């Protein structure tokens, strides 16, 4: 087994984070247009992050801002990433 095999793919990580953001926003009834303005990214970019498939990657700083505005921990935002494949 190669060392690389133990890591999730970049696409998997993007999907997990995007899905978590989408679910949390939905649960908290957060308007994505307003949310995108609050975290300082375009609505279009946020829409690609939360779309099924997580089509865009996020910087660590953007993830921090998302977690801060959603009032959640980075652990909650990244929930599922460290679980086995």
Protein backbone atom coordinates (compact mmCIF):
# COMPACT_ATOMS: atom_id res chain seq x y z
CA UNK A 1 0.00 0.00 0.00
CA UNK A 2 1.29 3.42 -0.90
CA UNK A 3 1.31 6.19 1.71
CA UNK A 4 -0.94 8.30 -0.53
CA UNK A 5 -3.70 5.67 -0.40
CA UNK A 6 -4.48 6.51 3.22
CA UNK A 7 -5.60 10.05 2.33
CA UNK A 8 -8.93 11.09 0.90
CA UNK A 9 -8.76 12.74 -2.49
CA UNK A 10 -8.98 16.52 -2.82
CA UNK A 11 -12.39 16.04 -4.46
CA UNK A 12 -13.61 13.97 -1.50
CA UNK A 13 -12.50 16.64 0.99
CA UNK A 14 -14.11 19.43 -1.05
CA UNK A 15 -17.34 17.43 -1.23
CA UNK A 16 -17.42 16.80 2.52
CA UNK A 17 -16.79 20.43 3.47
CA UNK A 18 -19.24 21.73 0.87
CA UNK A 19 -21.89 19.30 2.03
CA UNK A 20 -21.33 20.29 5.67
CA UNK A 21 -21.67 24.00 4.80
CA UNK A 22 -24.85 23.33 2.81
CA UNK A 23 -26.44 21.26 5.61
CA UNK A 24 -25.53 23.73 8.36
CA UNK A 25 -26.83 26.71 6.36
CA UNK A 26 -30.05 24.85 5.66
CA UNK A 27 -30.47 23.82 9.31
CA UNK A 28 -29.86 27.40 10.48
CA UNK A 29 -32.07 28.83 7.68
CA UNK A 30 -29.22 31.00 6.41
CA UNK A 31 -29.68 32.78 3.09
CA UNK A 32 -26.67 31.92 0.91
CA UNK A 33 -26.61 35.32 -0.81
CA UNK A 34 -26.36 37.15 2.53
CA UNK A 35 -23.95 34.55 3.87
CA UNK A 36 -21.61 34.98 0.91
CA UNK A 37 -21.50 38.74 1.52
CA UNK A 38 -20.82 38.22 5.22
CA UNK A 39 -17.85 35.93 4.58
CA UNK A 40 -16.54 38.02 1.70
CA UNK A 41 -16.85 35.64 -1.24
CA UNK A 42 -19.10 35.85 -4.27
CA UNK A 43 -22.47 34.13 -4.23
CA UNK A 44 -21.49 32.24 -7.38
CA UNK A 45 -18.34 30.88 -5.70
CA UNK A 46 -20.27 29.87 -2.57
CA UNK A 47 -22.89 28.19 -4.74
CA UNK A 48 -20.16 26.07 -6.33
CA UNK A 49 -18.77 25.18 -2.88
CA UNK A 50 -22.10 23.94 -1.55
CA UNK A 51 -23.33 22.33 -4.76
CA UNK A 52 -23.43 18.58 -4.89
CA UNK A 53 -19.92 17.51 -5.70
CA UNK A 54 -18.19 20.44 -3.99
CA UNK A 55 -16.87 21.91 -7.22
CA UNK A 56 -14.60 24.54 -5.65
CA UNK A 57 -11.87 24.30 -3.05
CA UNK A 58 -11.55 26.61 -0.08
CA UNK A 59 -8.56 28.22 1.52
CA UNK A 60 -8.04 27.58 5.21
CA UNK A 61 -8.83 31.25 5.86
CA UNK A 62 -12.16 30.99 4.01
CA UNK A 63 -13.00 27.89 6.04
CA UNK A 64 -12.16 29.83 9.21
CA UNK A 65 -14.48 32.70 8.18
CA UNK A 66 -17.28 30.27 7.33
CA UNK A 67 -16.96 28.52 10.69
CA UNK A 68 -16.84 31.86 12.54
CA UNK A 69 -19.95 33.25 10.82
CA UNK A 70 -21.85 29.96 11.25
CA UNK A 71 -20.74 29.91 14.91
CA UNK A 72 -19.37 26.39 14.63
CA UNK A 73 -15.98 24.81 15.25
CA UNK A 74 -13.58 23.94 12.47
CA UNK A 75 -14.08 20.33 13.62
CA UNK A 76 -17.78 20.57 12.83
CA UNK A 77 -17.09 22.18 9.46
CA UNK A 78 -14.66 19.37 8.59
CA UNK A 79 -16.69 16.56 10.14
CA UNK A 80 -16.20 13.39 8.16
CA UNK A 81 -12.83 14.20 6.60
CA UNK A 82 -10.75 12.18 9.03
CA UNK A 83 -13.02 9.15 8.97
CA UNK A 84 -11.72 6.15 7.07
CA UNK A 85 -12.50 5.91 3.37
